[in-house]
Amino acid sequence: MVGGLSLDTSIFPFILRGLSLFGIDSAESLIDVKKEIWSNFSSSWKLEKIDENIKDISLDELPNEIEKILKGNQIGRVRIVYD
């Protein structure tokens, strides 16, 4: 959110793909509730073995990965790393 807190976009791509965009307004939540939720994220709700589904690629490999995505052949998550 370097550019600010506003999100200026259309929901049309979500509709086309049958996706839902959900959000939670936690600004008015009590701090104890927030602490409990963040504690759950780091313990009982923590995703196990998430790094096993992340593939590291370089910027040079990005075009090939985009082709996989467009063809529906990409599995897991892709993280772009650079030195």
N, C-alpha and C. Protein backbone atom coordinates (compact mmCIF):
# COMPACT_ATOMS: atom_id res chain seq x y z
N MET A 1 0.82 -1.18 0.00
CA MET A 1 0.00 0.00 0.00
C MET A 1 0.87 1.25 0.00
N VAL A 2 1.92 1.24 -0.74
CA VAL A 2 2.83 2.37 -0.79
C VAL A 2 2.14 3.61 -1.33
N GLY A 3 1.25 3.43 -2.28
CA GLY A 3 0.60 4.55 -2.93
C GLY A 3 -0.55 5.15 -2.14
N GLY A 4 -0.93 4.54 -1.03
CA GLY A 4 -2.04 5.04 -0.24
C GLY A 4 -3.00 3.92 0.12
N LEU A 5 -4.06 4.27 0.79
CA LEU A 5 -5.02 3.28 1.27
C LEU A 5 -6.16 3.03 0.29
N SER A 6 -6.31 3.86 -0.71
CA SER A 6 -7.44 3.70 -1.63
C SER A 6 -7.16 2.61 -2.66
N LEU A 7 -8.22 1.96 -3.10
CA LEU A 7 -8.14 0.92 -4.12
C LEU A 7 -9.11 1.31 -5.22
N ASP A 8 -8.59 1.82 -6.31
CA ASP A 8 -9.40 2.29 -7.42
C ASP A 8 -9.39 1.23 -8.50
N THR A 9 -10.41 0.40 -8.53
CA THR A 9 -10.46 -0.71 -9.49
C THR A 9 -11.91 -1.05 -9.81
N SER A 10 -12.07 -1.93 -10.74
CA SER A 10 -13.39 -2.41 -11.14
C SER A 10 -13.59 -3.82 -10.60
N ILE A 11 -14.81 -4.16 -10.29
CA ILE A 11 -15.09 -5.53 -9.86
C ILE A 11 -15.38 -6.44 -11.05
N PHE A 12 -15.36 -5.88 -12.25
CA PHE A 12 -15.69 -6.66 -13.45
C PHE A 12 -14.83 -7.92 -13.62
N PRO A 13 -13.49 -7.86 -13.42
CA PRO A 13 -12.71 -9.11 -13.56
C PRO A 13 -13.14 -10.20 -12.58
N PHE A 14 -13.59 -9.81 -11.39
CA PHE A 14 -14.06 -10.79 -10.42
C PHE A 14 -15.36 -11.44 -10.89
N ILE A 15 -16.23 -10.62 -11.45
CA ILE A 15 -17.51 -11.14 -11.94
C ILE A 15 -17.27 -12.12 -13.09
N LEU A 16 -16.38 -11.77 -14.01
CA LEU A 16 -16.10 -12.62 -15.16
C LEU A 16 -15.56 -13.99 -14.75
N ARG A 17 -14.79 -14.01 -13.68
CA ARG A 17 -14.18 -15.26 -13.24
C ARG A 17 -14.99 -15.96 -12.16
N GLY A 18 -16.11 -15.41 -11.77
CA GLY A 18 -16.95 -16.03 -10.76
C GLY A 18 -16.32 -15.98 -9.37
N LEU A 19 -15.53 -14.95 -9.10
CA LEU A 19 -14.85 -14.83 -7.81
C LEU A 19 -15.58 -13.86 -6.91
N SER A 20 -15.31 -13.99 -5.63
CA SER A 20 -15.86 -13.05 -4.65
C SER A 20 -14.71 -12.37 -3.93
N LEU A 21 -14.87 -11.11 -3.68
CA LEU A 21 -13.88 -10.33 -2.95
C LEU A 21 -14.50 -9.94 -1.62
N PHE A 22 -13.95 -10.51 -0.54
CA PHE A 22 -14.49 -10.26 0.78
C PHE A 22 -13.50 -9.45 1.60
N GLY A 23 -13.99 -8.65 2.47
CA GLY A 23 -13.14 -7.88 3.36
C GLY A 23 -13.80 -7.74 4.72
N ILE A 24 -12.99 -7.42 5.68
CA ILE A 24 -13.50 -7.25 7.03
C ILE A 24 -13.04 -5.89 7.53
N ASP A 25 -13.95 -5.13 8.07
CA ASP A 25 -13.61 -3.85 8.67
C ASP A 25 -13.33 -4.10 10.14
N SER A 26 -12.06 -4.16 10.48
CA SER A 26 -11.70 -4.46 11.86
C SER A 26 -11.31 -3.21 12.65
N ALA A 27 -11.47 -2.06 12.06
CA ALA A 27 -11.03 -0.82 12.71
C ALA A 27 -11.74 -0.60 14.05
N GLU A 28 -12.97 -1.00 14.14
CA GLU A 28 -13.74 -0.78 15.37
C GLU A 28 -13.69 -1.97 16.32
N SER A 29 -12.98 -3.03 15.94
CA SER A 29 -12.89 -4.21 16.81
C SER A 29 -12.02 -3.91 18.02
N LEU A 30 -12.34 -4.56 19.11
CA LEU A 30 -11.55 -4.40 20.32
C LEU A 30 -10.16 -4.98 20.12
N ILE A 31 -9.16 -4.39 20.76
CA ILE A 31 -7.78 -4.83 20.59
C ILE A 31 -7.61 -6.28 21.04
N ASP A 32 -8.35 -6.72 22.05
CA ASP A 32 -8.27 -8.11 22.51
C ASP A 32 -8.73 -9.09 21.43
N VAL A 33 -9.74 -8.70 20.70
CA VAL A 33 -10.24 -9.54 19.60
C VAL A 33 -9.17 -9.62 18.51
N LYS A 34 -8.58 -8.49 18.17
CA LYS A 34 -7.52 -8.47 17.15
C LYS A 34 -6.34 -9.33 17.57
N LYS A 35 -5.93 -9.24 18.83
CA LYS A 35 -4.81 -10.04 19.33
C LYS A 35 -5.12 -11.53 19.23
N GLU A 36 -6.34 -11.91 19.57
CA GLU A 36 -6.73 -13.33 19.50
C GLU A 36 -6.69 -13.83 18.05
N ILE A 37 -7.19 -13.05 17.13
CA ILE A 37 -7.20 -13.44 15.72
C ILE A 37 -5.77 -13.59 15.19
N TRP A 38 -4.89 -12.61 15.48
CA TRP A 38 -3.51 -12.69 15.01
C TRP A 38 -2.78 -13.86 15.67
N SER A 39 -3.12 -14.16 16.90
CA SER A 39 -2.53 -15.32 17.57
C SER A 39 -2.95 -16.61 16.87
N ASN A 40 -4.21 -16.68 16.45
CA ASN A 40 -4.70 -17.87 15.72
C ASN A 40 -3.99 -18.02 14.38
N PHE A 41 -3.76 -16.89 13.69
CA PHE A 41 -3.05 -16.95 12.40
C PHE A 41 -1.65 -17.54 12.56
N SER A 42 -1.02 -17.29 13.70
CA SER A 42 0.34 -17.78 13.90
C SER A 42 0.39 -19.14 14.59
N SER A 43 -0.76 -19.71 14.92
CA SER A 43 -0.76 -21.01 15.60
C SER A 43 -1.77 -21.96 14.96
N SER A 44 -2.97 -22.04 15.49
CA SER A 44 -3.94 -23.05 15.03
C SER A 44 -4.41 -22.84 13.59
N TRP A 45 -4.37 -21.62 13.09
CA TRP A 45 -4.80 -21.37 11.70
C TRP A 45 -3.63 -21.35 10.72
N LYS A 46 -2.42 -21.55 11.23
CA LYS A 46 -1.23 -21.46 10.39
C LYS A 46 -1.26 -22.52 9.30
N LEU A 47 -0.94 -22.13 8.08
CA LEU A 47 -0.90 -23.05 6.96
C LEU A 47 0.40 -23.85 7.01
N GLU A 48 0.28 -25.15 7.14
CA GLU A 48 1.44 -26.01 7.23
C GLU A 48 2.03 -26.24 5.83
N LYS A 49 3.30 -26.33 5.76
CA LYS A 49 4.03 -26.67 4.53
C LYS A 49 3.70 -25.74 3.37
N ILE A 50 3.39 -24.48 3.66
CA ILE A 50 3.02 -23.55 2.59
C ILE A 50 4.19 -23.30 1.64
N ASP A 51 5.43 -23.35 2.17
CA ASP A 51 6.59 -23.11 1.32
C ASP A 51 6.79 -24.20 0.27
N GLU A 52 6.22 -25.38 0.49
CA GLU A 52 6.34 -26.45 -0.49
C GLU A 52 5.58 -26.14 -1.78
N ASN A 53 4.63 -25.22 -1.70
CA ASN A 53 3.82 -24.86 -2.86
C ASN A 53 4.25 -23.55 -3.49
N ILE A 54 5.42 -23.04 -3.08
CA ILE A 54 5.92 -21.79 -3.65
C ILE A 54 7.12 -22.08 -4.53
N LYS A 55 7.05 -21.62 -5.75
CA LYS A 55 8.14 -21.80 -6.71
C LYS A 55 8.84 -20.47 -6.90
N ASP A 56 10.15 -20.45 -6.64
CA ASP A 56 10.94 -19.24 -6.84
C ASP A 56 11.44 -19.18 -8.28
N ILE A 57 11.23 -18.03 -8.92
CA ILE A 57 11.71 -17.84 -10.29
C ILE A 57 12.41 -16.48 -10.40
N SER A 58 13.19 -16.32 -11.44
CA SER A 58 13.83 -15.03 -11.72
C SER A 58 12.94 -14.24 -12.68
N LEU A 59 13.26 -12.98 -12.87
CA LEU A 59 12.51 -12.17 -13.83
C LEU A 59 12.62 -12.72 -15.24
N ASP A 60 13.77 -13.33 -15.55
CA ASP A 60 13.95 -13.93 -16.88
C ASP A 60 12.99 -15.09 -17.12
N GLU A 61 12.59 -15.77 -16.05
CA GLU A 61 11.69 -16.92 -16.17
C GLU A 61 10.21 -16.52 -16.18
N LEU A 62 9.93 -15.27 -15.89
CA LEU A 62 8.55 -14.80 -15.78
C LEU A 62 7.71 -15.02 -17.04
N PRO A 63 8.20 -14.72 -18.24
CA PRO A 63 7.37 -14.95 -19.43
C PRO A 63 6.89 -16.41 -19.57
N ASN A 64 7.78 -17.36 -19.28
CA ASN A 64 7.37 -18.76 -19.35
C ASN A 64 6.30 -19.10 -18.32
N GLU A 65 6.44 -18.52 -17.13
CA GLU A 65 5.45 -18.79 -16.08
C GLU A 65 4.11 -18.16 -16.42
N ILE A 66 4.13 -16.98 -17.04
CA ILE A 66 2.89 -16.34 -17.46
C ILE A 66 2.19 -17.20 -18.51
N GLU A 67 2.95 -17.78 -19.43
CA GLU A 67 2.37 -18.69 -20.43
C GLU A 67 1.67 -19.87 -19.75
N LYS A 68 2.31 -20.43 -18.72
CA LYS A 68 1.70 -21.53 -17.97
C LYS A 68 0.38 -21.09 -17.34
N ILE A 69 0.39 -19.89 -16.76
CA ILE A 69 -0.82 -19.37 -16.13
C ILE A 69 -1.94 -19.22 -17.15
N LEU A 70 -1.62 -18.63 -18.30
CA LEU A 70 -2.63 -18.39 -19.33
C LEU A 70 -3.19 -19.69 -19.90
N LYS A 71 -2.38 -20.75 -19.90
CA LYS A 71 -2.83 -22.05 -20.40
C LYS A 71 -3.50 -22.89 -19.31
N GLY A 72 -3.52 -22.38 -18.08
CA GLY A 72 -4.12 -23.13 -16.97
C GLY A 72 -3.23 -24.23 -16.44
N ASN A 73 -1.93 -24.15 -16.69
CA ASN A 73 -1.01 -25.20 -16.27
C ASN A 73 -0.18 -24.83 -15.05
N GLN A 74 -0.39 -23.67 -14.47
CA GLN A 74 0.41 -23.24 -13.32
C GLN A 74 -0.23 -23.77 -12.06
N ILE A 75 0.59 -24.37 -11.19
CA ILE A 75 0.09 -24.93 -9.93
C ILE A 75 0.86 -24.29 -8.78
N GLY A 76 0.16 -23.96 -7.70
CA GLY A 76 0.80 -23.38 -6.54
C GLY A 76 1.03 -21.89 -6.70
N ARG A 77 2.01 -21.40 -5.97
CA ARG A 77 2.31 -19.97 -5.98
C ARG A 77 3.68 -19.74 -6.60
N VAL A 78 3.86 -18.56 -7.16
CA VAL A 78 5.13 -18.21 -7.79
C VAL A 78 5.65 -16.95 -7.10
N ARG A 79 6.91 -16.99 -6.71
CA ARG A 79 7.54 -15.84 -6.08
C ARG A 79 8.72 -15.43 -6.95
N ILE A 80 8.75 -14.16 -7.32
CA ILE A 80 9.84 -13.65 -8.15
C ILE A 80 10.95 -13.17 -7.22
N VAL A 81 12.13 -13.73 -7.41
CA VAL A 81 13.29 -13.36 -6.59
C VAL A 81 14.34 -12.73 -7.48
N TYR A 82 15.08 -11.82 -6.94
CA TYR A 82 16.16 -11.18 -7.70
C TYR A 82 17.28 -10.84 -6.74
N ASP A 83 18.47 -10.73 -7.28
CA ASP A 83 19.63 -10.40 -6.47
C ASP A 83 19.97 -8.94 -6.58
